[in-house]
Amino acid sequence: MRTDSPDEDAYGRVTNPERFQEVADAATALISELVATFDVEATAGNAALDFPNWPDGSAETIRLLPALGTPLAILVTDFPGVLVRFGARGREAFPGCGCDACDEQPRDVIERMHRLIEAAVEGKYKEALTKRTRSYSFRGTWGRESSEGRLERGEWRRLGGLGPHSWPPWPQRKQP
């Protein structure tokens, strides 16, 4: 852990992005584990729909559509890294930045990714939309994490579904 401030050049410099391949591999393994454990359908998606601001709109995503509960869309990026869409409004990146100044460690990134996906699968993910903001939150035995962002004037009309929304837990897959 750093105790001094990084130099200005470290913000925006990524000297070893390959270290995050471990995060991409962990996401791929987690998808397989979720499909084997829960009543969820894995389908192909695309970044243009699942992550509209992602520069490579032709990239393929994996959509996990449970019988009940928070749908997920997962994109393993070329960085390497992982983007996850939770429900209708939650978007998280793993790593969150990846630059030398932030100095994110792959094991910490994987732990956070697992923690947030586990919260969603357990029905501990909520999201809300007002005319001015969109927000989402996760909770677990580890605590709580949330995000809130302001909307452009009238943007809520495109996003639809004003108000809070809580997602139920994913049902377990029935064993044969």
C-alpha atoms as a PDB file:
ATOM      1  CA  MET A   1       0.000   0.000   0.000  1.00  0.00           C
ATOM      2  CA  ARG A   2       1.300   3.431  -0.947  1.00  0.00           C
ATOM      3  CA  THR A   3       1.920   6.049   1.693  1.00  0.00           C
ATOM      4  CA  ASP A   4       3.308   8.700  -0.669  1.00  0.00           C
ATOM      5  CA  SER A   5       1.478  10.387  -3.539  1.00  0.00           C
ATOM      6  CA  PRO A   6       2.126   8.954  -7.001  1.00  0.00           C
ATOM      7  CA  ASP A   7       3.710  11.218  -9.606  1.00  0.00           C
ATOM      8  CA  GLU A   8       1.324  12.937 -12.000  1.00  0.00           C
ATOM      9  CA  ASP A   9       2.478  10.785 -14.938  1.00  0.00           C
ATOM     10  CA  ALA A  10       1.267   7.651 -13.133  1.00  0.00           C
ATOM     11  CA  TYR A  11      -2.351   8.747 -13.685  1.00  0.00           C
ATOM     12  CA  GLY A  12      -3.156   7.405 -17.111  1.00  0.00           C
ATOM     13  CA  ARG A  13      -0.075   5.188 -17.420  1.00  0.00           C
ATOM     14  CA  VAL A  14      -0.587   1.428 -17.305  1.00  0.00           C
ATOM     15  CA  THR A  15       2.741  -0.381 -17.352  1.00  0.00           C
ATOM     16  CA  ASN A  16       1.477  -3.906 -16.809  1.00  0.00           C
ATOM     17  CA  PRO A  17      -2.132  -4.408 -17.926  1.00  0.00           C
ATOM     18  CA  GLU A  18      -1.480  -8.156 -18.356  1.00  0.00           C
ATOM     19  CA  ARG A  19      -1.711  -8.549 -14.584  1.00  0.00           C
ATOM     20  CA  PHE A  20      -5.489  -8.108 -14.945  1.00  0.00           C
ATOM     21  CA  GLN A  21      -5.814 -11.197 -17.164  1.00  0.00           C
ATOM     22  CA  GLU A  22      -6.355 -12.985 -13.848  1.00  0.00           C
ATOM     23  CA  VAL A  23      -9.525 -10.887 -13.377  1.00  0.00           C
ATOM     24  CA  ALA A  24     -10.828 -11.799 -16.840  1.00  0.00           C
ATOM     25  CA  ASP A  25     -10.123 -15.491 -16.167  1.00  0.00           C
ATOM     26  CA  ALA A  26     -11.918 -15.284 -12.801  1.00  0.00           C
ATOM     27  CA  ALA A  27     -14.982 -13.756 -14.500  1.00  0.00           C
ATOM     28  CA  THR A  28     -15.097 -16.566 -17.059  1.00  0.00           C
ATOM     29  CA  ALA A  29     -14.877 -19.173 -14.289  1.00  0.00           C
ATOM     30  CA  LEU A  30     -17.560 -17.365 -12.265  1.00  0.00           C
ATOM     31  CA  ILE A  31     -19.953 -17.381 -15.237  1.00  0.00           C
ATOM     32  CA  SER A  32     -19.575 -21.179 -15.516  1.00  0.00           C
ATOM     33  CA  GLU A  33     -20.116 -21.584 -11.772  1.00  0.00           C
ATOM     34  CA  LEU A  34     -23.266 -19.424 -11.797  1.00  0.00           C
ATOM     35  CA  VAL A  35     -24.756 -21.316 -14.760  1.00  0.00           C
ATOM     36  CA  ALA A  36     -24.073 -24.662 -13.058  1.00  0.00           C
ATOM     37  CA  THR A  37     -25.538 -23.568  -9.713  1.00  0.00           C
ATOM     38  CA  PHE A  38     -28.516 -21.349 -10.521  1.00  0.00           C
ATOM     39  CA  ASP A  39     -31.593 -21.440 -12.744  1.00  0.00           C
ATOM     40  CA  VAL A  40     -30.090 -18.978 -15.186  1.00  0.00           C
ATOM     41  CA  GLU A  41     -29.788 -18.871 -18.953  1.00  0.00           C
ATOM     42  CA  ALA A  42     -26.539 -17.667 -20.508  1.00  0.00           C
ATOM     43  CA  THR A  43     -27.023 -15.955 -23.864  1.00  0.00           C
ATOM     44  CA  ALA A  44     -24.857 -13.880 -26.177  1.00  0.00           C
ATOM     45  CA  GLY A  45     -25.347 -10.146 -26.032  1.00  0.00           C
ATOM     46  CA  ASN A  46     -23.501  -7.195 -27.472  1.00  0.00           C
ATOM     47  CA  ALA A  47     -21.760  -4.197 -26.014  1.00  0.00           C
ATOM     48  CA  ALA A  48     -23.781  -1.678 -28.034  1.00  0.00           C
ATOM     49  CA  LEU A  49     -26.907  -2.674 -26.091  1.00  0.00           C
ATOM     50  CA  ASP A  50     -25.437  -3.808 -22.785  1.00  0.00           C
ATOM     51  CA  PHE A  51     -22.794  -1.065 -22.436  1.00  0.00           C
ATOM     52  CA  PRO A  52     -23.854   1.800 -24.734  1.00  0.00           C
ATOM     53  CA  ASN A  53     -20.847   3.985 -23.863  1.00  0.00           C
ATOM     54  CA  TRP A  54     -18.283   1.258 -24.531  1.00  0.00           C
ATOM     55  CA  PRO A  55     -16.166   2.227 -27.564  1.00  0.00           C
ATOM     56  CA  ASP A  56     -16.255  -1.244 -29.178  1.00  0.00           C
ATOM     57  CA  GLY A  57     -19.974  -1.693 -29.748  1.00  0.00           C
ATOM     58  CA  SER A  58     -19.374  -4.893 -31.701  1.00  0.00           C
ATOM     59  CA  ALA A  59     -17.872  -6.692 -28.684  1.00  0.00           C
ATOM     60  CA  GLU A  60     -19.822  -9.714 -27.477  1.00  0.00           C
ATOM     61  CA  THR A  61     -21.134  -9.915 -23.944  1.00  0.00           C
ATOM     62  CA  ILE A  62     -22.564 -12.784 -21.955  1.00  0.00           C
ATOM     63  CA  ARG A  63     -26.007 -12.146 -20.532  1.00  0.00           C
ATOM     64  CA  LEU A  64     -27.054 -14.128 -17.494  1.00  0.00           C
ATOM     65  CA  LEU A  65     -30.846 -14.139 -17.329  1.00  0.00           C
ATOM     66  CA  PRO A  66     -32.133 -15.807 -14.168  1.00  0.00           C
ATOM     67  CA  ALA A  67     -35.659 -17.204 -13.849  1.00  0.00           C
ATOM     68  CA  LEU A  68     -36.045 -14.574 -11.077  1.00  0.00           C
ATOM     69  CA  GLY A  69     -33.626 -11.919  -9.920  1.00  0.00           C
ATOM     70  CA  THR A  70     -31.086  -9.429 -11.201  1.00  0.00           C
ATOM     71  CA  PRO A  71     -30.036 -10.008 -14.805  1.00  0.00           C
ATOM     72  CA  LEU A  72     -26.315  -9.544 -15.441  1.00  0.00           C
ATOM     73  CA  ALA A  73     -24.355  -8.705 -18.573  1.00  0.00           C
ATOM     74  CA  ILE A  74     -20.625  -9.401 -18.512  1.00  0.00           C
ATOM     75  CA  LEU A  75     -18.040  -8.108 -20.980  1.00  0.00           C
ATOM     76  CA  VAL A  76     -14.452  -9.316 -20.841  1.00  0.00           C
ATOM     77  CA  THR A  77     -12.455  -6.476 -22.380  1.00  0.00           C
ATOM     78  CA  ASP A  78      -9.194  -6.427 -24.327  1.00  0.00           C
ATOM     79  CA  PHE A  79      -7.579  -4.359 -21.547  1.00  0.00           C
ATOM     80  CA  PRO A  80      -7.871  -7.093 -19.990  1.00  0.00           C
ATOM     81  CA  GLY A  81     -10.666  -6.334 -17.580  1.00  0.00           C
ATOM     82  CA  VAL A  82     -14.331  -6.965 -16.960  1.00  0.00           C
ATOM     83  CA  LEU A  83     -17.443  -4.798 -17.167  1.00  0.00           C
ATOM     84  CA  VAL A  84     -20.620  -5.954 -15.423  1.00  0.00           C
ATOM     85  CA  ARG A  85     -24.114  -4.534 -15.862  1.00  0.00           C
ATOM     86  CA  PHE A  86     -26.340  -5.262 -12.873  1.00  0.00           C
ATOM     87  CA  GLY A  87     -30.082  -5.106 -13.513  1.00  0.00           C
ATOM     88  CA  ALA A  88     -31.134  -2.093 -15.540  1.00  0.00           C
ATOM     89  CA  ARG A  89     -28.857   0.602 -14.125  1.00  0.00           C
ATOM     90  CA  GLY A  90     -25.789  -0.723 -12.325  1.00  0.00           C
ATOM     91  CA  ARG A  91     -22.450  -0.632 -14.145  1.00  0.00           C
ATOM     92  CA  GLU A  92     -19.144  -1.636 -12.552  1.00  0.00           C
ATOM     93  CA  ALA A  93     -15.664  -2.074 -14.012  1.00  0.00           C
ATOM     94  CA  PHE A  94     -13.092  -4.549 -12.700  1.00  0.00           C
ATOM     95  CA  PRO A  95     -10.519  -3.025 -12.306  1.00  0.00           C
ATOM     96  CA  GLY A  96     -12.115   0.353 -11.712  1.00  0.00           C
ATOM     97  CA  CYS A  97      -9.160   2.121 -13.337  1.00  0.00           C
ATOM     98  CA  GLY A  98      -5.992   0.066 -13.787  1.00  0.00           C
ATOM     99  CA  CYS A  99      -3.546   2.977 -13.957  1.00  0.00           C
ATOM    100  CA  ASP A 100      -0.229   2.902 -12.109  1.00  0.00           C
ATOM    101  CA  ALA A 101      -1.368   5.611  -9.675  1.00  0.00           C
ATOM    102  CA  CYS A 102      -4.434   3.647  -8.543  1.00  0.00           C
ATOM    103  CA  ASP A 103      -2.283   0.521  -8.230  1.00  0.00           C
ATOM    104  CA  GLU A 104      -5.251  -1.859  -8.001  1.00  0.00           C
ATOM    105  CA  GLN A 105      -4.237  -5.416  -7.182  1.00  0.00           C
ATOM    106  CA  PRO A 106      -5.851  -8.259  -9.188  1.00  0.00           C
ATOM    107  CA  ARG A 107      -6.762 -10.296  -6.089  1.00  0.00           C
ATOM    108  CA  ASP A 108      -8.553  -7.288  -4.564  1.00  0.00           C
ATOM    109  CA  VAL A 109     -10.345  -6.618  -7.849  1.00  0.00           C
ATOM    110  CA  ILE A 110     -11.465 -10.264  -8.096  1.00  0.00           C
ATOM    111  CA  GLU A 111     -12.670 -10.233  -4.493  1.00  0.00           C
ATOM    112  CA  ARG A 112     -14.750  -7.099  -5.118  1.00  0.00           C
ATOM    113  CA  MET A 113     -16.190  -8.543  -8.355  1.00  0.00           C
ATOM    114  CA  HIS A 114     -17.201 -11.758  -6.572  1.00  0.00           C
ATOM    115  CA  ARG A 115     -18.645  -9.794  -3.645  1.00  0.00           C
ATOM    116  CA  LEU A 116     -20.880  -7.586  -5.820  1.00  0.00           C
ATOM    117  CA  ILE A 117     -22.059 -10.405  -8.080  1.00  0.00           C
ATOM    118  CA  GLU A 118     -22.765 -12.571  -5.027  1.00  0.00           C
ATOM    119  CA  ALA A 119     -24.837  -9.747  -3.494  1.00  0.00           C
ATOM    120  CA  ALA A 120     -26.881  -9.461  -6.701  1.00  0.00           C
ATOM    121  CA  VAL A 121     -27.416 -13.231  -6.901  1.00  0.00           C
ATOM    122  CA  GLU A 122     -28.503 -13.305  -3.240  1.00  0.00           C
ATOM    123  CA  GLY A 123     -31.135 -10.604  -3.851  1.00  0.00           C
ATOM    124  CA  LYS A 124     -29.146  -7.901  -2.059  1.00  0.00           C
ATOM    125  CA  TYR A 125     -28.988  -5.504  -4.974  1.00  0.00           C
ATOM    126  CA  LYS A 126     -31.315  -2.495  -5.335  1.00  0.00           C
ATOM    127  CA  GLU A 127     -31.598   0.260  -7.880  1.00  0.00           C
ATOM    128  CA  ALA A 128     -33.645   3.431  -8.159  1.00  0.00           C
ATOM    129  CA  LEU A 129     -34.429   6.071 -10.747  1.00  0.00           C
ATOM    130  CA  THR A 130     -35.746   9.573 -10.152  1.00  0.00           C
ATOM    131  CA  LYS A 131     -36.106  12.385 -12.662  1.00  0.00           C
ATOM    132  CA  ARG A 132     -32.717  13.671 -11.501  1.00  0.00           C
ATOM    133  CA  THR A 133     -30.649  10.658 -10.416  1.00  0.00           C
ATOM    134  CA  ARG A 134     -30.039   6.972 -10.894  1.00  0.00           C
ATOM    135  CA  SER A 135     -28.604   4.936  -8.064  1.00  0.00           C
ATOM    136  CA  TYR A 136     -27.842   1.378  -7.090  1.00  0.00           C
ATOM    137  CA  SER A 137     -26.526  -0.410  -4.042  1.00  0.00           C
ATOM    138  CA  PHE A 138     -25.225  -3.772  -2.862  1.00  0.00           C
ATOM    139  CA  ARG A 139     -25.123  -5.137   0.670  1.00  0.00           C
ATOM    140  CA  GLY A 140     -23.636  -8.174   2.298  1.00  0.00           C
ATOM    141  CA  THR A 141     -21.942  -9.389   5.441  1.00  0.00           C
ATOM    142  CA  TRP A 142     -18.968  -7.273   4.269  1.00  0.00           C
ATOM    143  CA  GLY A 143     -21.008  -4.044   4.432  1.00  0.00           C
ATOM    144  CA  ARG A 144     -22.599  -1.875   1.767  1.00  0.00           C
ATOM    145  CA  GLU A 145     -21.479  -0.284  -1.501  1.00  0.00           C
ATOM    146  CA  SER A 146     -23.491   2.185  -3.535  1.00  0.00           C
ATOM    147  CA  SER A 147     -23.321   4.550  -6.476  1.00  0.00           C
ATOM    148  CA  GLU A 148     -25.401   7.542  -7.477  1.00  0.00           C
ATOM    149  CA  GLY A 149     -25.200   9.655 -10.599  1.00  0.00           C
ATOM    150  CA  ARG A 150     -26.987  12.713 -11.890  1.00  0.00           C
ATOM    151  CA  LEU A 151     -29.038  12.489 -15.055  1.00  0.00           C
ATOM    152  CA  GLU A 152     -29.140  14.930 -17.927  1.00  0.00           C
ATOM    153  CA  ARG A 153     -32.413  16.835 -18.234  1.00  0.00           C
ATOM    154  CA  GLY A 154     -35.113  14.445 -19.501  1.00  0.00           C
ATOM    155  CA  GLU A 155     -32.788  11.404 -19.555  1.00  0.00           C
ATOM    156  CA  TRP A 156     -35.094   9.538 -17.179  1.00  0.00           C
ATOM    157  CA  ARG A 157     -37.667   9.249 -20.001  1.00  0.00           C
ATOM    158  CA  ARG A 158     -35.251   7.075 -22.006  1.00  0.00           C
ATOM    159  CA  LEU A 159     -34.356   4.980 -18.947  1.00  0.00           C
ATOM    160  CA  GLY A 160     -37.963   4.529 -17.767  1.00  0.00           C
ATOM    161  CA  GLY A 161     -39.244   2.859 -14.623  1.00  0.00           C
ATOM    162  CA  LEU A 162     -39.137   5.673 -12.049  1.00  0.00           C
ATOM    163  CA  GLY A 163     -38.866   4.612  -8.428  1.00  0.00           C
ATOM    164  CA  PRO A 164     -36.969   2.027  -6.409  1.00  0.00           C
ATOM    165  CA  HIS A 165     -36.570  -1.590  -7.449  1.00  0.00           C
ATOM    166  CA  SER A 166     -35.381  -4.533  -5.368  1.00  0.00           C
ATOM    167  CA  TRP A 167     -34.401  -7.761  -7.052  1.00  0.00           C
ATOM    168  CA  PRO A 168     -35.165 -11.187  -5.515  1.00  0.00           C
ATOM    169  CA  PRO A 169     -32.485 -13.881  -5.111  1.00  0.00           C
ATOM    170  CA  TRP A 170     -31.695 -16.178  -7.997  1.00  0.00           C
ATOM    171  CA  PRO A 171     -33.321 -19.633  -7.680  1.00  0.00           C
ATOM    172  CA  GLN A 172     -30.996 -22.622  -7.423  1.00  0.00           C
ATOM    173  CA  ARG A 173     -30.880 -25.012 -10.361  1.00  0.00           C
ATOM    174  CA  LYS A 174     -32.923 -28.139  -9.715  1.00  0.00           C
ATOM    175  CA  GLN A 175     -30.685 -31.177  -9.427  1.00  0.00           C
ATOM    176  CA  PRO A 176     -31.621 -34.162 -11.662  1.00  0.00           C
END
